[in-house]
Amino acid sequence: MPNELPLHLAVLRSRHEMRAVVHAHPPAVVAITLVGQRIGPSSGPSIFRQCISPP
């Protein structure tokens, strides 16, 4: 079971208009991480809070 599953389920359960969650690893993002760069604060728990907050 992927460790992201609880996050994806929480999003789907809290936002009934959403019908799917996509987990992707775009090549540009992989390249950024391979050279040791970070992609700002929009990751992990902050995404979770943004996704389940009321619109």
PDB file of N, CA and C in Angstrom:
ATOM      1  N   MET A   1       0.848  -1.178   0.000  1.00  0.00           N
ATOM      2  CA  MET A   1       0.000   0.000   0.000  1.00  0.00           C
ATOM      3  C   MET A   1       0.891   1.237   0.000  1.00  0.00           C
ATOM      4  N   PRO A   2       0.693   2.139  -0.952  1.00  0.00           N
ATOM      5  CA  PRO A   2       1.523   3.352  -0.988  1.00  0.00           C
ATOM      6  C   PRO A   2       1.299   4.213   0.250  1.00  0.00           C
ATOM      7  N   ASN A   3       2.357   4.850   0.738  1.00  0.00           N
ATOM      8  CA  ASN A   3       2.203   5.677   1.933  1.00  0.00           C
ATOM      9  C   ASN A   3       1.447   6.966   1.645  1.00  0.00           C
ATOM     10  N   GLU A   4       1.192   7.289   0.370  1.00  0.00           N
ATOM     11  CA  GLU A   4       0.410   8.468   0.012  1.00  0.00           C
ATOM     12  C   GLU A   4      -1.089   8.184   0.032  1.00  0.00           C
ATOM     13  N   LEU A   5      -1.473   6.940   0.152  1.00  0.00           N
ATOM     14  CA  LEU A   5      -2.883   6.578   0.072  1.00  0.00           C
ATOM     15  C   LEU A   5      -3.754   7.323   1.085  1.00  0.00           C
ATOM     16  N   PRO A   6      -3.369   7.438   2.361  1.00  0.00           N
ATOM     17  CA  PRO A   6      -4.208   8.191   3.297  1.00  0.00           C
ATOM     18  C   PRO A   6      -4.426   9.645   2.865  1.00  0.00           C
ATOM     19  N   LEU A   7      -3.405  10.274   2.317  1.00  0.00           N
ATOM     20  CA  LEU A   7      -3.537  11.649   1.827  1.00  0.00           C
ATOM     21  C   LEU A   7      -4.539  11.706   0.676  1.00  0.00           C
ATOM     22  N   HIS A   8      -4.390  10.815  -0.290  1.00  0.00           N
ATOM     23  CA  HIS A   8      -5.285  10.819  -1.442  1.00  0.00           C
ATOM     24  C   HIS A   8      -6.726  10.545  -1.018  1.00  0.00           C
ATOM     25  N   LEU A   9      -6.914   9.611  -0.108  1.00  0.00           N
ATOM     26  CA  LEU A   9      -8.264   9.314   0.369  1.00  0.00           C
ATOM     27  C   LEU A   9      -8.865  10.499   1.107  1.00  0.00           C
ATOM     28  N   ALA A  10      -8.068  11.191   1.906  1.00  0.00           N
ATOM     29  CA  ALA A  10      -8.567  12.363   2.631  1.00  0.00           C
ATOM     30  C   ALA A  10      -9.028  13.447   1.667  1.00  0.00           C
ATOM     31  N   VAL A  11      -8.272  13.649   0.605  1.00  0.00           N
ATOM     32  CA  VAL A  11      -8.666  14.645  -0.402  1.00  0.00           C
ATOM     33  C   VAL A  11      -9.992  14.244  -1.034  1.00  0.00           C
ATOM     34  N   LEU A  12     -10.090  13.007  -1.468  1.00  0.00           N
ATOM     35  CA  LEU A  12     -11.316  12.553  -2.131  1.00  0.00           C
ATOM     36  C   LEU A  12     -12.519  12.592  -1.195  1.00  0.00           C
ATOM     37  N   ARG A  13     -12.320  12.271   0.061  1.00  0.00           N
ATOM     38  CA  ARG A  13     -13.434  12.267   1.015  1.00  0.00           C
ATOM     39  C   ARG A  13     -13.877  13.676   1.394  1.00  0.00           C
ATOM     40  N   SER A  14     -12.950  14.615   1.398  1.00  0.00           N
ATOM     41  CA  SER A  14     -13.301  15.974   1.827  1.00  0.00           C
ATOM     42  C   SER A  14     -13.756  16.865   0.678  1.00  0.00           C
ATOM     43  N   ARG A  15     -13.431  16.506  -0.538  1.00  0.00           N
ATOM     44  CA  ARG A  15     -13.802  17.321  -1.713  1.00  0.00           C
ATOM     45  C   ARG A  15     -14.622  16.447  -2.658  1.00  0.00           C
ATOM     46  N   HIS A  16     -15.916  16.435  -2.437  1.00  0.00           N
ATOM     47  CA  HIS A  16     -16.793  15.526  -3.180  1.00  0.00           C
ATOM     48  C   HIS A  16     -16.853  15.827  -4.673  1.00  0.00           C
ATOM     49  N   GLU A  17     -16.495  17.058  -5.065  1.00  0.00           N
ATOM     50  CA  GLU A  17     -16.495  17.376  -6.497  1.00  0.00           C
ATOM     51  C   GLU A  17     -15.299  16.754  -7.209  1.00  0.00           C
ATOM     52  N   MET A  18     -14.301  16.326  -6.461  1.00  0.00           N
ATOM     53  CA  MET A  18     -13.127  15.681  -7.063  1.00  0.00           C
ATOM     54  C   MET A  18     -13.427  14.208  -7.297  1.00  0.00           C
ATOM     55  N   ARG A  19     -12.991  13.732  -8.443  1.00  0.00           N
ATOM     56  CA  ARG A  19     -13.251  12.342  -8.812  1.00  0.00           C
ATOM     57  C   ARG A  19     -11.983  11.508  -8.915  1.00  0.00           C
ATOM     58  N   ALA A  20     -10.806  12.159  -8.800  1.00  0.00           N
ATOM     59  CA  ALA A  20      -9.552  11.419  -8.942  1.00  0.00           C
ATOM     60  C   ALA A  20      -8.403  12.207  -8.323  1.00  0.00           C
ATOM     61  N   VAL A  21      -7.362  11.487  -7.963  1.00  0.00           N
ATOM     62  CA  VAL A  21      -6.116  12.079  -7.483  1.00  0.00           C
ATOM     63  C   VAL A  21      -5.001  11.511  -8.353  1.00  0.00           C
ATOM     64  N   VAL A  22      -4.122  12.373  -8.810  1.00  0.00           N
ATOM     65  CA  VAL A  22      -3.014  11.934  -9.657  1.00  0.00           C
ATOM     66  C   VAL A  22      -1.713  12.104  -8.893  1.00  0.00           C
ATOM     67  N   HIS A  23      -0.929  11.056  -8.859  1.00  0.00           N
ATOM     68  CA  HIS A  23       0.407  11.102  -8.259  1.00  0.00           C
ATOM     69  C   HIS A  23       1.382  10.896  -9.404  1.00  0.00           C
ATOM     70  N   ALA A  24       2.177  11.910  -9.683  1.00  0.00           N
ATOM     71  CA  ALA A  24       3.076  11.833 -10.838  1.00  0.00           C
ATOM     72  C   ALA A  24       4.487  12.260 -10.458  1.00  0.00           C
ATOM     73  N   HIS A  25       5.432  11.846 -11.258  1.00  0.00           N
ATOM     74  CA  HIS A  25       6.834  12.231 -11.102  1.00  0.00           C
ATOM     75  C   HIS A  25       7.316  12.791 -12.435  1.00  0.00           C
ATOM     76  N   PRO A  26       6.924  14.050 -12.754  1.00  0.00           N
ATOM     77  CA  PRO A  26       7.351  14.636 -14.027  1.00  0.00           C
ATOM     78  C   PRO A  26       8.874  14.669 -14.139  1.00  0.00           C
ATOM     79  N   PRO A  27       9.407  14.475 -15.334  1.00  0.00           N
ATOM     80  CA  PRO A  27      10.861  14.465 -15.522  1.00  0.00           C
ATOM     81  C   PRO A  27      11.562  15.711 -14.975  1.00  0.00           C
ATOM     82  N   ALA A  28      10.952  16.875 -15.118  1.00  0.00           N
ATOM     83  CA  ALA A  28      11.588  18.101 -14.613  1.00  0.00           C
ATOM     84  C   ALA A  28      11.715  18.071 -13.094  1.00  0.00           C
ATOM     85  N   VAL A  29      10.708  17.544 -12.427  1.00  0.00           N
ATOM     86  CA  VAL A  29      10.754  17.464 -10.963  1.00  0.00           C
ATOM     87  C   VAL A  29      11.815  16.464 -10.520  1.00  0.00           C
ATOM     88  N   VAL A  30      11.882  15.333 -11.188  1.00  0.00           N
ATOM     89  CA  VAL A  30      12.908  14.337 -10.872  1.00  0.00           C
ATOM     90  C   VAL A  30      14.293  14.942 -11.079  1.00  0.00           C
ATOM     91  N   ALA A  31      14.491  15.672 -12.165  1.00  0.00           N
ATOM     92  CA  ALA A  31      15.792  16.298 -12.441  1.00  0.00           C
ATOM     93  C   ALA A  31      16.168  17.293 -11.352  1.00  0.00           C
ATOM     94  N   ILE A  32      15.208  18.085 -10.905  1.00  0.00           N
ATOM     95  CA  ILE A  32      15.485  19.066  -9.847  1.00  0.00           C
ATOM     96  C   ILE A  32      15.949  18.363  -8.579  1.00  0.00           C
ATOM     97  N   THR A  33      15.282  17.282  -8.210  1.00  0.00           N
ATOM     98  CA  THR A  33      15.678  16.578  -6.992  1.00  0.00           C
ATOM     99  C   THR A  33      17.026  15.881  -7.148  1.00  0.00           C
ATOM    100  N   LEU A  34      17.336  15.405  -8.351  1.00  0.00           N
ATOM    101  CA  LEU A  34      18.618  14.726  -8.572  1.00  0.00           C
ATOM    102  C   LEU A  34      19.813  15.654  -8.402  1.00  0.00           C
ATOM    103  N   VAL A  35      19.622  16.943  -8.652  1.00  0.00           N
ATOM    104  CA  VAL A  35      20.729  17.893  -8.476  1.00  0.00           C
ATOM    105  C   VAL A  35      20.700  18.543  -7.097  1.00  0.00           C
ATOM    106  N   GLY A  36      19.838  18.026  -6.212  1.00  0.00           N
ATOM    107  CA  GLY A  36      19.822  18.494  -4.831  1.00  0.00           C
ATOM    108  C   GLY A  36      19.019  19.759  -4.586  1.00  0.00           C
ATOM    109  N   GLN A  37      18.214  20.174  -5.552  1.00  0.00           N
ATOM    110  CA  GLN A  37      17.376  21.362  -5.378  1.00  0.00           C
ATOM    111  C   GLN A  37      16.086  20.983  -4.665  1.00  0.00           C
ATOM    112  N   ARG A  38      15.469  21.991  -4.062  1.00  0.00           N
ATOM    113  CA  ARG A  38      14.156  21.795  -3.439  1.00  0.00           C
ATOM    114  C   ARG A  38      13.107  22.516  -4.256  1.00  0.00           C
ATOM    115  N   ILE A  39      11.869  22.109  -4.098  1.00  0.00           N
ATOM    116  CA  ILE A  39      10.775  22.710  -4.852  1.00  0.00           C
ATOM    117  C   ILE A  39       9.854  23.482  -3.906  1.00  0.00           C
ATOM    118  N   GLY A  40      10.359  24.377  -3.161  1.00  0.00           N
ATOM    119  CA  GLY A  40       9.530  25.243  -2.324  1.00  0.00           C
ATOM    120  C   GLY A  40       8.687  24.509  -1.294  1.00  0.00           C
ATOM    121  N   PRO A  41       7.820  25.233  -0.629  1.00  0.00           N
ATOM    122  CA  PRO A  41       7.054  24.677   0.483  1.00  0.00           C
ATOM    123  C   PRO A  41       5.807  23.907   0.076  1.00  0.00           C
ATOM    124  N   SER A  42       5.533  23.776  -1.194  1.00  0.00           N
ATOM    125  CA  SER A  42       4.310  23.097  -1.631  1.00  0.00           C
ATOM    126  C   SER A  42       4.506  21.592  -1.714  1.00  0.00           C
ATOM    127  N   SER A  43       4.845  20.983  -0.588  1.00  0.00           N
ATOM    128  CA  SER A  43       5.028  19.538  -0.576  1.00  0.00           C
ATOM    129  C   SER A  43       4.539  18.961   0.741  1.00  0.00           C
ATOM    130  N   GLY A  44       4.283  17.687   0.733  1.00  0.00           N
ATOM    131  CA  GLY A  44       3.907  16.965   1.937  1.00  0.00           C
ATOM    132  C   GLY A  44       2.746  17.580   2.696  1.00  0.00           C
ATOM    133  N   PRO A  45       2.951  17.863   3.993  1.00  0.00           N
ATOM    134  CA  PRO A  45       1.856  18.353   4.832  1.00  0.00           C
ATOM    135  C   PRO A  45       1.213  19.643   4.331  1.00  0.00           C
ATOM    136  N   SER A  46       1.982  20.532   3.717  1.00  0.00           N
ATOM    137  CA  SER A  46       1.373  21.780   3.252  1.00  0.00           C
ATOM    138  C   SER A  46       0.383  21.514   2.120  1.00  0.00           C
ATOM    139  N   ILE A  47       0.704  20.581   1.248  1.00  0.00           N
ATOM    140  CA  ILE A  47      -0.239  20.204   0.189  1.00  0.00           C
ATOM    141  C   ILE A  47      -1.482  19.596   0.816  1.00  0.00           C
ATOM    142  N   PHE A  48      -1.292  18.742   1.810  1.00  0.00           N
ATOM    143  CA  PHE A  48      -2.427  18.108   2.479  1.00  0.00           C
ATOM    144  C   PHE A  48      -3.363  19.172   3.030  1.00  0.00           C
ATOM    145  N   ARG A  49      -2.809  20.157   3.735  1.00  0.00           N
ATOM    146  CA  ARG A  49      -3.641  21.216   4.308  1.00  0.00           C
ATOM    147  C   ARG A  49      -4.338  22.017   3.214  1.00  0.00           C
ATOM    148  N   GLN A  50      -3.651  22.303   2.124  1.00  0.00           N
ATOM    149  CA  GLN A  50      -4.261  23.073   1.039  1.00  0.00           C
ATOM    150  C   GLN A  50      -5.381  22.287   0.371  1.00  0.00           C
ATOM    151  N   CYS A  51      -5.190  21.003   0.223  1.00  0.00           N
ATOM    152  CA  CYS A  51      -6.178  20.192  -0.493  1.00  0.00           C
ATOM    153  C   CYS A  51      -7.447  19.975   0.310  1.00  0.00           C
ATOM    154  N   ILE A  52      -7.338  19.862   1.622  1.00  0.00           N
ATOM    155  CA  ILE A  52      -8.545  19.563   2.391  1.00  0.00           C
ATOM    156  C   ILE A  52      -9.175  20.802   2.996  1.00  0.00           C
ATOM    157  N   SER A  53      -8.582  21.970   2.815  1.00  0.00           N
ATOM    158  CA  SER A  53      -9.192  23.201   3.309  1.00  0.00           C
ATOM    159  C   SER A  53     -10.408  23.529   2.456  1.00  0.00           C
ATOM    160  N   PRO A  54     -11.450  24.058   3.087  1.00  0.00           N
ATOM    161  CA  PRO A  54     -12.624  24.446   2.288  1.00  0.00           C
ATOM    162  C   PRO A  54     -12.250  25.506   1.261  1.00  0.00           C
ATOM    163  N   PRO A  55     -12.883  25.473   0.097  1.00  0.00           N
ATOM    164  CA  PRO A  55     -12.565  26.461  -0.950  1.00  0.00           C
ATOM    165  C   PRO A  55     -12.917  27.877  -0.523  1.00  0.00           C
TER     166      PRO A  55
END
